[in-house]
Amino acid sequence: MGPLTAVKRRLQGVVSTRETREEYGCQSCEARFDVQYHTCPDCGSYSVERFDW
């Protein structure tokens, strides 16, 4: 889904299941996040990756 489609759906009140789940996780401490961090806020690791990659 493109960024404009996501904005349009959010304005219309449509939220997909992909947008509501936690997509990112720290490989070191296994913390989960809704947004992508460069460093893990819990442990400070630089290995925060997307789950579907």
PDB file of N, CA and C in Angstrom:
ATOM      1  N   MET A   1       0.842  -1.162   0.000  1.00  0.00           N
ATOM      2  CA  MET A   1       0.000   0.000   0.000  1.00  0.00           C
ATOM      3  C   MET A   1       0.890   1.228   0.000  1.00  0.00           C
ATOM      4  N   GLY A   2       0.599   2.156  -0.882  1.00  0.00           N
ATOM      5  CA  GLY A   2       1.373   3.370  -0.959  1.00  0.00           C
ATOM      6  C   GLY A   2       1.024   4.339   0.156  1.00  0.00           C
ATOM      7  N   PRO A   3       1.865   5.320   0.375  1.00  0.00           N
ATOM      8  CA  PRO A   3       1.620   6.249   1.470  1.00  0.00           C
ATOM      9  C   PRO A   3       0.358   7.082   1.288  1.00  0.00           C
ATOM     10  N   LEU A   4       0.046   7.457   0.054  1.00  0.00           N
ATOM     11  CA  LEU A   4      -1.176   8.238  -0.171  1.00  0.00           C
ATOM     12  C   LEU A   4      -2.423   7.392   0.059  1.00  0.00           C
ATOM     13  N   THR A   5      -2.374   6.134  -0.318  1.00  0.00           N
ATOM     14  CA  THR A   5      -3.502   5.232  -0.077  1.00  0.00           C
ATOM     15  C   THR A   5      -3.704   5.038   1.418  1.00  0.00           C
ATOM     16  N   ALA A   6      -2.629   4.899   2.164  1.00  0.00           N
ATOM     17  CA  ALA A   6      -2.729   4.733   3.609  1.00  0.00           C
ATOM     18  C   ALA A   6      -3.365   5.964   4.267  1.00  0.00           C
ATOM     19  N   VAL A   7      -2.961   7.156   3.822  1.00  0.00           N
ATOM     20  CA  VAL A   7      -3.542   8.383   4.367  1.00  0.00           C
ATOM     21  C   VAL A   7      -5.015   8.472   4.016  1.00  0.00           C
ATOM     22  N   LYS A   8      -5.353   8.154   2.770  1.00  0.00           N
ATOM     23  CA  LYS A   8      -6.744   8.208   2.337  1.00  0.00           C
ATOM     24  C   LYS A   8      -7.605   7.250   3.153  1.00  0.00           C
ATOM     25  N   ARG A   9      -7.130   6.030   3.364  1.00  0.00           N
ATOM     26  CA  ARG A   9      -7.894   5.054   4.149  1.00  0.00           C
ATOM     27  C   ARG A   9      -8.040   5.491   5.603  1.00  0.00           C
ATOM     28  N   ARG A  10      -6.982   6.056   6.147  1.00  0.00           N
ATOM     29  CA  ARG A  10      -7.057   6.500   7.536  1.00  0.00           C
ATOM     30  C   ARG A  10      -8.063   7.637   7.696  1.00  0.00           C
ATOM     31  N   LEU A  11      -8.100   8.560   6.715  1.00  0.00           N
ATOM     32  CA  LEU A  11      -9.074   9.647   6.764  1.00  0.00           C
ATOM     33  C   LEU A  11     -10.495   9.138   6.606  1.00  0.00           C
ATOM     34  N   GLN A  12     -10.669   8.053   5.867  1.00  0.00           N
ATOM     35  CA  GLN A  12     -11.986   7.465   5.680  1.00  0.00           C
ATOM     36  C   GLN A  12     -12.377   6.554   6.838  1.00  0.00           C
ATOM     37  N   GLY A  13     -11.452   6.299   7.742  1.00  0.00           N
ATOM     38  CA  GLY A  13     -11.748   5.447   8.884  1.00  0.00           C
ATOM     39  C   GLY A  13     -11.505   3.978   8.633  1.00  0.00           C
ATOM     40  N   VAL A  14     -10.844   3.638   7.533  1.00  0.00           N
ATOM     41  CA  VAL A  14     -10.550   2.244   7.215  1.00  0.00           C
ATOM     42  C   VAL A  14      -9.130   1.950   7.668  1.00  0.00           C
ATOM     43  N   VAL A  15      -8.981   0.955   8.514  1.00  0.00           N
ATOM     44  CA  VAL A  15      -7.665   0.565   8.994  1.00  0.00           C
ATOM     45  C   VAL A  15      -7.475  -0.900   8.664  1.00  0.00           C
ATOM     46  N   SER A  16      -6.427  -1.212   7.941  1.00  0.00           N
ATOM     47  CA  SER A  16      -6.159  -2.607   7.597  1.00  0.00           C
ATOM     48  C   SER A  16      -5.499  -3.307   8.771  1.00  0.00           C
ATOM     49  N   THR A  17      -5.526  -4.634   8.754  1.00  0.00           N
ATOM     50  CA  THR A  17      -4.916  -5.399   9.832  1.00  0.00           C
ATOM     51  C   THR A  17      -3.408  -5.242   9.820  1.00  0.00           C
ATOM     52  N   ARG A  18      -2.824  -5.000   8.673  1.00  0.00           N
ATOM     53  CA  ARG A  18      -1.378  -4.811   8.593  1.00  0.00           C
ATOM     54  C   ARG A  18      -0.939  -3.550   9.324  1.00  0.00           C
ATOM     55  N   GLU A  19      -1.770  -2.510   9.300  1.00  0.00           N
ATOM     56  CA  GLU A  19      -1.420  -1.264   9.963  1.00  0.00           C
ATOM     57  C   GLU A  19      -1.574  -1.347  11.475  1.00  0.00           C
ATOM     58  N   THR A  20      -2.353  -2.279  11.975  1.00  0.00           N
ATOM     59  CA  THR A  20      -2.628  -2.334  13.398  1.00  0.00           C
ATOM     60  C   THR A  20      -1.710  -3.278  14.157  1.00  0.00           C
ATOM     61  N   ARG A  21      -0.962  -4.121  13.497  1.00  0.00           N
ATOM     62  CA  ARG A  21      -0.098  -5.055  14.211  1.00  0.00           C
ATOM     63  C   ARG A  21       1.319  -4.509  14.330  1.00  0.00           C
ATOM     64  N   GLU A  22       2.077  -5.096  15.214  1.00  0.00           N
ATOM     65  CA  GLU A  22       3.456  -4.690  15.411  1.00  0.00           C
ATOM     66  C   GLU A  22       4.309  -5.316  14.321  1.00  0.00           C
ATOM     67  N   GLU A  23       4.955  -4.501  13.516  1.00  0.00           N
ATOM     68  CA  GLU A  23       5.693  -4.995  12.363  1.00  0.00           C
ATOM     69  C   GLU A  23       7.196  -5.048  12.575  1.00  0.00           C
ATOM     70  N   TYR A  24       7.717  -4.431  13.616  1.00  0.00           N
ATOM     71  CA  TYR A  24       9.152  -4.345  13.813  1.00  0.00           C
ATOM     72  C   TYR A  24       9.535  -5.003  15.130  1.00  0.00           C
ATOM     73  N   GLY A  25      10.742  -5.546  15.182  1.00  0.00           N
ATOM     74  CA  GLY A  25      11.195  -6.186  16.402  1.00  0.00           C
ATOM     75  C   GLY A  25      12.695  -6.114  16.545  1.00  0.00           C
ATOM     76  N   CYS A  26      13.136  -6.090  17.781  1.00  0.00           N
ATOM     77  CA  CYS A  26      14.559  -6.088  18.079  1.00  0.00           C
ATOM     78  C   CYS A  26      15.065  -7.523  18.039  1.00  0.00           C
ATOM     79  N   GLN A  27      16.144  -7.746  17.325  1.00  0.00           N
ATOM     80  CA  GLN A  27      16.718  -9.079  17.218  1.00  0.00           C
ATOM     81  C   GLN A  27      17.430  -9.482  18.511  1.00  0.00           C
ATOM     82  N   SER A  28      17.829  -8.520  19.319  1.00  0.00           N
ATOM     83  CA  SER A  28      18.563  -8.823  20.548  1.00  0.00           C
ATOM     84  C   SER A  28      17.639  -9.151  21.716  1.00  0.00           C
ATOM     85  N   CYS A  29      16.706  -8.244  22.036  1.00  0.00           N
ATOM     86  CA  CYS A  29      15.853  -8.439  23.215  1.00  0.00           C
ATOM     87  C   CYS A  29      14.438  -8.889  22.860  1.00  0.00           C
ATOM     88  N   GLU A  30      14.139  -8.996  21.561  1.00  0.00           N
ATOM     89  CA  GLU A  30      12.846  -9.456  21.052  1.00  0.00           C
ATOM     90  C   GLU A  30      11.668  -8.555  21.422  1.00  0.00           C
ATOM     91  N   ALA A  31      11.935  -7.260  21.674  1.00  0.00           N
ATOM     92  CA  ALA A  31      10.865  -6.291  21.902  1.00  0.00           C
ATOM     93  C   ALA A  31      10.175  -6.016  20.568  1.00  0.00           C
ATOM     94  N   ARG A  32       8.882  -5.707  20.607  1.00  0.00           N
ATOM     95  CA  ARG A  32       8.105  -5.451  19.394  1.00  0.00           C
ATOM     96  C   ARG A  32       7.627  -4.008  19.367  1.00  0.00           C
ATOM     97  N   PHE A  33       7.568  -3.440  18.139  1.00  0.00           N
ATOM     98  CA  PHE A  33       7.205  -2.034  17.980  1.00  0.00           C
ATOM     99  C   PHE A  33       6.277  -1.842  16.789  1.00  0.00           C
ATOM    100  N   ASP A  34       5.486  -0.770  16.851  1.00  0.00           N
ATOM    101  CA  ASP A  34       4.619  -0.388  15.736  1.00  0.00           C
ATOM    102  C   ASP A  34       5.377   0.448  14.714  1.00  0.00           C
ATOM    103  N   VAL A  35       6.423   1.101  15.139  1.00  0.00           N
ATOM    104  CA  VAL A  35       7.207   1.968  14.266  1.00  0.00           C
ATOM    105  C   VAL A  35       8.639   1.461  14.209  1.00  0.00           C
ATOM    106  N   GLN A  36       9.372   1.879  13.197  1.00  0.00           N
ATOM    107  CA  GLN A  36      10.757   1.448  13.050  1.00  0.00           C
ATOM    108  C   GLN A  36      11.678   2.408  13.791  1.00  0.00           C
ATOM    109  N   TYR A  37      12.478   1.868  14.663  1.00  0.00           N
ATOM    110  CA  TYR A  37      13.495   2.636  15.376  1.00  0.00           C
ATOM    111  C   TYR A  37      14.856   2.292  14.795  1.00  0.00           C
ATOM    112  N   HIS A  38      15.779   3.233  14.839  1.00  0.00           N
ATOM    113  CA  HIS A  38      17.151   2.953  14.414  1.00  0.00           C
ATOM    114  C   HIS A  38      17.881   2.166  15.494  1.00  0.00           C
ATOM    115  N   THR A  39      17.573   2.496  16.749  1.00  0.00           N
ATOM    116  CA  THR A  39      18.102   1.739  17.881  1.00  0.00           C
ATOM    117  C   THR A  39      16.931   1.321  18.761  1.00  0.00           C
ATOM    118  N   CYS A  40      17.046   0.186  19.385  1.00  0.00           N
ATOM    119  CA  CYS A  40      15.984  -0.332  20.251  1.00  0.00           C
ATOM    120  C   CYS A  40      15.862   0.550  21.489  1.00  0.00           C
ATOM    121  N   PRO A  41      14.669   1.070  21.792  1.00  0.00           N
ATOM    122  CA  PRO A  41      14.505   1.897  22.989  1.00  0.00           C
ATOM    123  C   PRO A  41      14.648   1.095  24.282  1.00  0.00           C
ATOM    124  N   ASP A  42      14.489  -0.232  24.205  1.00  0.00           N
ATOM    125  CA  ASP A  42      14.585  -1.052  25.408  1.00  0.00           C
ATOM    126  C   ASP A  42      16.022  -1.425  25.755  1.00  0.00           C
ATOM    127  N   CYS A  43      16.795  -1.887  24.762  1.00  0.00           N
ATOM    128  CA  CYS A  43      18.138  -2.394  25.063  1.00  0.00           C
ATOM    129  C   CYS A  43      19.262  -1.614  24.377  1.00  0.00           C
ATOM    130  N   GLY A  44      18.942  -0.740  23.424  1.00  0.00           N
ATOM    131  CA  GLY A  44      19.969   0.050  22.750  1.00  0.00           C
ATOM    132  C   GLY A  44      20.617  -0.626  21.554  1.00  0.00           C
ATOM    133  N   SER A  45      20.139  -1.800  21.186  1.00  0.00           N
ATOM    134  CA  SER A  45      20.709  -2.540  20.055  1.00  0.00           C
ATOM    135  C   SER A  45      20.377  -1.841  18.742  1.00  0.00           C
ATOM    136  N   TYR A  46      21.240  -2.041  17.740  1.00  0.00           N
ATOM    137  CA  TYR A  46      21.018  -1.476  16.418  1.00  0.00           C
ATOM    138  C   TYR A  46      20.321  -2.458  15.481  1.00  0.00           C
ATOM    139  N   SER A  47      19.868  -3.580  15.967  1.00  0.00           N
ATOM    140  CA  SER A  47      19.291  -4.612  15.103  1.00  0.00           C
ATOM    141  C   SER A  47      17.768  -4.668  15.212  1.00  0.00           C
ATOM    142  N   VAL A  48      17.105  -3.558  14.881  1.00  0.00           N
ATOM    143  CA  VAL A  48      15.641  -3.512  14.813  1.00  0.00           C
ATOM    144  C   VAL A  48      15.257  -3.750  13.360  1.00  0.00           C
ATOM    145  N   GLU A  49      14.535  -4.826  13.107  1.00  0.00           N
ATOM    146  CA  GLU A  49      14.202  -5.245  11.745  1.00  0.00           C
ATOM    147  C   GLU A  49      12.699  -5.435  11.590  1.00  0.00           C
ATOM    148  N   ARG A  50      12.272  -5.426  10.337  1.00  0.00           N
ATOM    149  CA  ARG A  50      10.882  -5.736  10.004  1.00  0.00           C
ATOM    150  C   ARG A  50      10.671  -7.234  10.059  1.00  0.00           C
ATOM    151  N   PHE A  51       9.492  -7.666  10.505  1.00  0.00           N
ATOM    152  CA  PHE A  51       9.222  -9.095  10.613  1.00  0.00           C
ATOM    153  C   PHE A  51       9.062  -9.775   9.275  1.00  0.00           C
ATOM    154  N   ASP A  52       8.461  -9.126   8.287  1.00  0.00           N
ATOM    155  CA  ASP A  52       8.174  -9.787   7.019  1.00  0.00           C
ATOM    156  C   ASP A  52       9.351  -9.802   6.052  1.00  0.00           C
ATOM    157  N   TRP A  53      10.537  -9.334   6.456  1.00  0.00           N
ATOM    158  CA  TRP A  53      11.707  -9.369   5.588  1.00  0.00           C
ATOM    159  C   TRP A  53      12.426 -10.661   5.753  1.00  0.00           C
TER     160      TRP A  53
END
